[in-house]
Structures are given as structure tokens and as C-alpha cells.
C-alpha atoms as a PDB file:
ATOM      1  CA  UNK A   1     -18.277  -1.667 -28.285  1.00  0.00           C
ATOM      2  CA  UNK A   2     -16.993  -5.047 -27.084  1.00  0.00           C
ATOM      3  CA  UNK A   3     -16.487  -6.288 -23.581  1.00  0.00           C
ATOM      4  CA  UNK A   4     -13.686  -4.659 -21.618  1.00  0.00           C
ATOM      5  CA  UNK A   5     -10.284  -6.184 -22.244  1.00  0.00           C
ATOM      6  CA  UNK A   6      -9.146  -8.161 -19.207  1.00  0.00           C
ATOM      7  CA  UNK A   7      -6.051  -6.676 -17.706  1.00  0.00           C
ATOM      8  CA  UNK A   8      -2.956  -8.555 -16.707  1.00  0.00           C
ATOM      9  CA  UNK A   9      -2.353  -8.578 -12.971  1.00  0.00           C
ATOM     10  CA  UNK A  10       1.240  -8.301 -11.846  1.00  0.00           C
ATOM     11  CA  UNK A  11       2.768  -8.624  -8.399  1.00  0.00           C
ATOM     12  CA  UNK A  12       5.281  -6.250  -6.849  1.00  0.00           C
ATOM     13  CA  UNK A  13       7.824  -9.072  -6.970  1.00  0.00           C
ATOM     14  CA  UNK A  14       7.294  -9.679 -10.709  1.00  0.00           C
ATOM     15  CA  UNK A  15       7.572  -5.951 -11.418  1.00  0.00           C
ATOM     16  CA  UNK A  16      10.803  -5.711  -9.413  1.00  0.00           C
ATOM     17  CA  UNK A  17      12.232  -8.760 -11.205  1.00  0.00           C
ATOM     18  CA  UNK A  18      11.445  -7.221 -14.586  1.00  0.00           C
ATOM     19  CA  UNK A  19      13.278  -4.011 -13.679  1.00  0.00           C
ATOM     20  CA  UNK A  20      16.229  -6.026 -12.347  1.00  0.00           C
ATOM     21  CA  UNK A  21      16.382  -8.097 -15.549  1.00  0.00           C
ATOM     22  CA  UNK A  22      16.448  -4.897 -17.601  1.00  0.00           C
ATOM     23  CA  UNK A  23      19.450  -3.754 -15.588  1.00  0.00           C
ATOM     24  CA  UNK A  24      21.309  -7.081 -15.434  1.00  0.00           C
ATOM     25  CA  UNK A  25      20.507  -8.623 -18.823  1.00  0.00           C
ATOM     26  CA  UNK A  26      20.076  -5.560 -21.035  1.00  0.00           C
ATOM     27  CA  UNK A  27      22.598  -3.269 -19.372  1.00  0.00           C
ATOM     28  CA  UNK A  28      20.135  -0.443 -18.811  1.00  0.00           C
ATOM     29  CA  UNK A  29      20.744   2.145 -16.134  1.00  0.00           C
ATOM     30  CA  UNK A  30      18.236   1.908 -13.245  1.00  0.00           C
ATOM     31  CA  UNK A  31      16.041   4.841 -14.293  1.00  0.00           C
ATOM     32  CA  UNK A  32      15.861   3.586 -17.876  1.00  0.00           C
ATOM     33  CA  UNK A  33      15.124   0.024 -16.699  1.00  0.00           C
ATOM     34  CA  UNK A  34      12.285   1.274 -14.504  1.00  0.00           C
ATOM     35  CA  UNK A  35      10.748   3.370 -17.276  1.00  0.00           C
ATOM     36  CA  UNK A  36      11.045   0.498 -19.776  1.00  0.00           C
ATOM     37  CA  UNK A  37       9.283  -1.909 -17.396  1.00  0.00           C
ATOM     38  CA  UNK A  38       6.452   0.575 -16.828  1.00  0.00           C
ATOM     39  CA  UNK A  39       6.018   1.230 -20.561  1.00  0.00           C
ATOM     40  CA  UNK A  40       6.224  -2.461 -21.525  1.00  0.00           C
ATOM     41  CA  UNK A  41       3.719  -3.577 -18.919  1.00  0.00           C
ATOM     42  CA  UNK A  42       1.376  -0.712 -19.754  1.00  0.00           C
ATOM     43  CA  UNK A  43       1.450  -1.682 -23.439  1.00  0.00           C
ATOM     44  CA  UNK A  44       0.688  -5.287 -22.452  1.00  0.00           C
ATOM     45  CA  UNK A  45      -2.374  -4.077 -20.544  1.00  0.00           C
ATOM     46  CA  UNK A  46      -0.988  -4.805 -17.090  1.00  0.00           C
ATOM     47  CA  UNK A  47      -2.730  -3.295 -14.108  1.00  0.00           C
ATOM     48  CA  UNK A  48       0.027  -1.348 -12.358  1.00  0.00           C
ATOM     49  CA  UNK A  49      -2.237   0.081  -9.680  1.00  0.00           C
ATOM     50  CA  UNK A  50      -0.804  -0.757  -6.321  1.00  0.00           C
ATOM     51  CA  UNK A  51       2.696  -1.275  -7.655  1.00  0.00           C
ATOM     52  CA  UNK A  52       5.385   0.844  -6.041  1.00  0.00           C
ATOM     53  CA  UNK A  53       7.316   2.013  -9.054  1.00  0.00           C
ATOM     54  CA  UNK A  54      10.891   2.045  -7.914  1.00  0.00           C
ATOM     55  CA  UNK A  55      14.197   0.400  -8.689  1.00  0.00           C
ATOM     56  CA  UNK A  56      14.506  -2.783  -6.608  1.00  0.00           C
ATOM     57  CA  UNK A  57      17.173  -2.710  -3.952  1.00  0.00           C
ATOM     58  CA  UNK A  58      17.509   1.041  -3.683  1.00  0.00           C
ATOM     59  CA  UNK A  59      15.337   1.124  -0.567  1.00  0.00           C
ATOM     60  CA  UNK A  60      12.496   3.125  -2.084  1.00  0.00           C
ATOM     61  CA  UNK A  61       9.876   0.441  -1.455  1.00  0.00           C
ATOM     62  CA  UNK A  62      10.510   0.600   2.291  1.00  0.00           C
ATOM     63  CA  UNK A  63      10.837   4.393   2.014  1.00  0.00           C
ATOM     64  CA  UNK A  64       7.303   4.656   0.630  1.00  0.00           C
ATOM     65  CA  UNK A  65       5.182   6.378   3.314  1.00  0.00           C
ATOM     66  CA  UNK A  66       2.210   4.065   2.671  1.00  0.00           C
ATOM     67  CA  UNK A  67       4.377   0.973   3.180  1.00  0.00           C
ATOM     68  CA  UNK A  68       5.973   2.540   6.272  1.00  0.00           C
ATOM     69  CA  UNK A  69       2.564   3.285   7.783  1.00  0.00           C
ATOM     70  CA  UNK A  70       1.312  -0.224   7.044  1.00  0.00           C
ATOM     71  CA  UNK A  71       4.448  -1.808   8.505  1.00  0.00           C
ATOM     72  CA  UNK A  72       4.127   0.169  11.737  1.00  0.00           C
ATOM     73  CA  UNK A  73       0.391  -0.594  11.984  1.00  0.00           C
ATOM     74  CA  UNK A  74       1.201  -4.288  11.463  1.00  0.00           C
ATOM     75  CA  UNK A  75       3.600  -4.095  14.407  1.00  0.00           C
ATOM     76  CA  UNK A  76       0.885  -2.590  16.611  1.00  0.00           C
ATOM     77  CA  UNK A  77      -1.619  -5.146  15.405  1.00  0.00           C
ATOM     78  CA  UNK A  78       0.693  -8.082  16.159  1.00  0.00           C
ATOM     79  CA  UNK A  79       1.684  -6.738  19.578  1.00  0.00           C
ATOM     80  CA  UNK A  80      -1.891  -5.949  20.563  1.00  0.00           C
ATOM     81  CA  UNK A  81      -3.475  -7.967  23.348  1.00  0.00           C
ATOM     82  CA  UNK A  82      -7.138  -8.361  24.252  1.00  0.00           C
ATOM     83  CA  UNK A  83      -6.917  -5.186  26.324  1.00  0.00           C
ATOM     84  CA  UNK A  84      -6.524  -1.712  24.893  1.00  0.00           C
ATOM     85  CA  UNK A  85      -2.833  -0.876  24.648  1.00  0.00           C
ATOM     86  CA  UNK A  86      -1.390   1.957  26.639  1.00  0.00           C
ATOM     87  CA  UNK A  87      -2.519   5.440  25.676  1.00  0.00           C
ATOM     88  CA  UNK A  88       0.785   6.252  23.957  1.00  0.00           C
ATOM     89  CA  UNK A  89       0.346   3.252  21.629  1.00  0.00           C
ATOM     90  CA  UNK A  90      -3.261   4.185  20.936  1.00  0.00           C
ATOM     91  CA  UNK A  91      -2.279   7.786  20.194  1.00  0.00           C
ATOM     92  CA  UNK A  92       0.477   6.664  17.804  1.00  0.00           C
ATOM     93  CA  UNK A  93      -1.903   4.229  16.117  1.00  0.00           C
ATOM     94  CA  UNK A  94      -4.410   7.059  15.574  1.00  0.00           C
ATOM     95  CA  UNK A  95      -1.650   9.238  14.062  1.00  0.00           C
ATOM     96  CA  UNK A  96      -0.672   6.370  11.714  1.00  0.00           C
ATOM     97  CA  UNK A  97      -4.272   5.711  10.694  1.00  0.00           C
ATOM     98  CA  UNK A  98      -4.865   9.410  10.023  1.00  0.00           C
ATOM     99  CA  UNK A  99      -1.636   9.608   7.999  1.00  0.00           C
ATOM    100  CA  UNK A 100      -2.677   6.581   5.954  1.00  0.00           C
ATOM    101  CA  UNK A 101      -6.105   8.163   5.390  1.00  0.00           C
ATOM    102  CA  UNK A 102      -4.471  11.362   4.127  1.00  0.00           C
ATOM    103  CA  UNK A 103      -2.067   9.458   1.858  1.00  0.00           C
ATOM    104  CA  UNK A 104      -4.844   7.329   0.368  1.00  0.00           C
ATOM    105  CA  UNK A 105      -7.028  10.384  -0.213  1.00  0.00           C
ATOM    106  CA  UNK A 106      -4.541  12.061  -2.565  1.00  0.00           C
ATOM    107  CA  UNK A 107      -6.287  11.967  -5.933  1.00  0.00           C
ATOM    108  CA  UNK A 108      -4.359  10.087  -8.613  1.00  0.00           C
ATOM    109  CA  UNK A 109      -1.539   9.013  -6.278  1.00  0.00           C
ATOM    110  CA  UNK A 110      -2.290   5.288  -6.402  1.00  0.00           C
ATOM    111  CA  UNK A 111      -1.657   5.133  -2.652  1.00  0.00           C
ATOM    112  CA  UNK A 112      -4.972   3.429  -1.895  1.00  0.00           C
ATOM    113  CA  UNK A 113      -4.129   0.711  -4.410  1.00  0.00           C
ATOM    114  CA  UNK A 114      -0.655   0.304  -2.913  1.00  0.00           C
ATOM    115  CA  UNK A 115      -2.144  -0.008   0.571  1.00  0.00           C
ATOM    116  CA  UNK A 116      -4.790  -2.463  -0.628  1.00  0.00           C
ATOM    117  CA  UNK A 117      -2.282  -4.632  -2.485  1.00  0.00           C
ATOM    118  CA  UNK A 118      -0.152  -4.757   0.640  1.00  0.00           C
ATOM    119  CA  UNK A 119      -2.902  -5.959   2.972  1.00  0.00           C
ATOM    120  CA  UNK A 120      -4.266  -2.596   4.083  1.00  0.00           C
ATOM    121  CA  UNK A 121      -7.942  -3.549   4.125  1.00  0.00           C
ATOM    122  CA  UNK A 122      -7.382  -6.722   6.129  1.00  0.00           C
ATOM    123  CA  UNK A 123      -5.057  -4.880   8.514  1.00  0.00           C
ATOM    124  CA  UNK A 124      -7.499  -2.038   9.152  1.00  0.00           C
ATOM    125  CA  UNK A 125     -10.329  -4.558   9.694  1.00  0.00           C
ATOM    126  CA  UNK A 126      -8.190  -6.306  12.295  1.00  0.00           C
ATOM    127  CA  UNK A 127      -7.348  -2.999  13.978  1.00  0.00           C
ATOM    128  CA  UNK A 128     -11.059  -2.083  14.044  1.00  0.00           C
ATOM    129  CA  UNK A 129     -11.936  -5.358  15.737  1.00  0.00           C
ATOM    130  CA  UNK A 130      -9.343  -4.713  18.422  1.00  0.00           C
ATOM    131  CA  UNK A 131     -10.505  -1.153  19.035  1.00  0.00           C
ATOM    132  CA  UNK A 132     -14.216  -2.025  19.412  1.00  0.00           C
ATOM    133  CA  UNK A 133     -15.599  -0.950  22.737  1.00  0.00           C
ATOM    134  CA  UNK A 134     -12.413   0.559  24.007  1.00  0.00           C
ATOM    135  CA  UNK A 135     -11.257   3.524  22.006  1.00  0.00           C
ATOM    136  CA  UNK A 136     -13.833   5.557  20.123  1.00  0.00           C
ATOM    137  CA  UNK A 137     -11.330   7.983  18.592  1.00  0.00           C
ATOM    138  CA  UNK A 138      -9.177   5.088  17.361  1.00  0.00           C
ATOM    139  CA  UNK A 139     -12.183   3.330  15.879  1.00  0.00           C
ATOM    140  CA  UNK A 140     -13.283   6.519  14.090  1.00  0.00           C
ATOM    141  CA  UNK A 141      -9.783   6.917  12.628  1.00  0.00           C
ATOM    142  CA  UNK A 142      -9.704   3.270  11.533  1.00  0.00           C
ATOM    143  CA  UNK A 143     -13.110   3.554   9.860  1.00  0.00           C
ATOM    144  CA  UNK A 144     -12.032   6.736   8.050  1.00  0.00           C
ATOM    145  CA  UNK A 145      -8.947   4.883   6.844  1.00  0.00           C
ATOM    146  CA  UNK A 146     -11.110   2.020   5.621  1.00  0.00           C
ATOM    147  CA  UNK A 147     -13.342   4.463   3.770  1.00  0.00           C
ATOM    148  CA  UNK A 148     -10.340   6.101   2.064  1.00  0.00           C
ATOM    149  CA  UNK A 149      -8.998   2.695   1.032  1.00  0.00           C
ATOM    150  CA  UNK A 150     -12.326   1.605  -0.412  1.00  0.00           C
ATOM    151  CA  UNK A 151     -13.021   4.966  -2.060  1.00  0.00           C
ATOM    152  CA  UNK A 152      -9.544   5.011  -3.592  1.00  0.00           C
ATOM    153  CA  UNK A 153     -10.195   1.631  -5.210  1.00  0.00           C
ATOM    154  CA  UNK A 154     -13.365   2.725  -7.011  1.00  0.00           C
END
């Protein structure tokens, strides 16, 4: 048995462009263009983990619950000051972290890879650093989220 074949890494943008080219240049309908891109890239050995498999422009990328959770957490993270935010913000952040944990724990969903490819690990690390010493429940939720991200990548 030889060494494992290196896989091709593809970005979300490149995947979306391929689907769009299938639609524009080859006249495929959106569902067919999406399926063709997935099959072609799979045959080429591309690593599609972490790729949201949707037709570009139809809003499904932003409709993805993992992306939505990450976007909202990014807002909290950017708006955070050196003090612990008000209790409503902390409570919502805990709900978002727990939701992300649940989503990334679904076996075979690829959600952990999607979160990781979209900055989830770095974001949760930043959230953890801001919650240190101020909000034990928030820190526990953030660490559980980190564990689900890392476990989902193994």
C-alpha cells in the first residue's frame, strides 16, 4: 500500500465559481450544476469537507445554521469590551455556543468542518479569552464548542 494520495483543497469561493460556470457556460440548471461540481471535484480527489454545498446566490450559504451562528458570534466578539457584556448578551452568546456545539456534533453532517473552514476555532478561542474570569457558564459552553469542533475534525 502506497502513501495516501494528497487531496486537492478547494475554497468555498472556488466551489461557488465552478457551480456558477456550470450554469452560465454549460447551460445547466442550478441543481444539475451543483451535483456536477460535487461529482467532478470528488473524482479529482478534492476535499469538500467544510464546503457548503449550495447554488451560489440563492442565499443558502447565509441560511446555513452554522454560518448564521458564526456570524452572530463574530458580532458579539467584535462588540465585546474588556468587561463582561450585559447578561442578555452573555445569555444569547451561551445559546449560540450551545447551538453550534449541537450542530457540530451531528455525525456525518460536515458542520464541524464548515465551522472550522469559516474561522470557528479562532473565533471560539477569542470568545474564551474574553470570558475568562467573568462568566463560568459561558466559558464552559465555549470550551464544549471547541471540543465539538476539534472532535468533528478528527
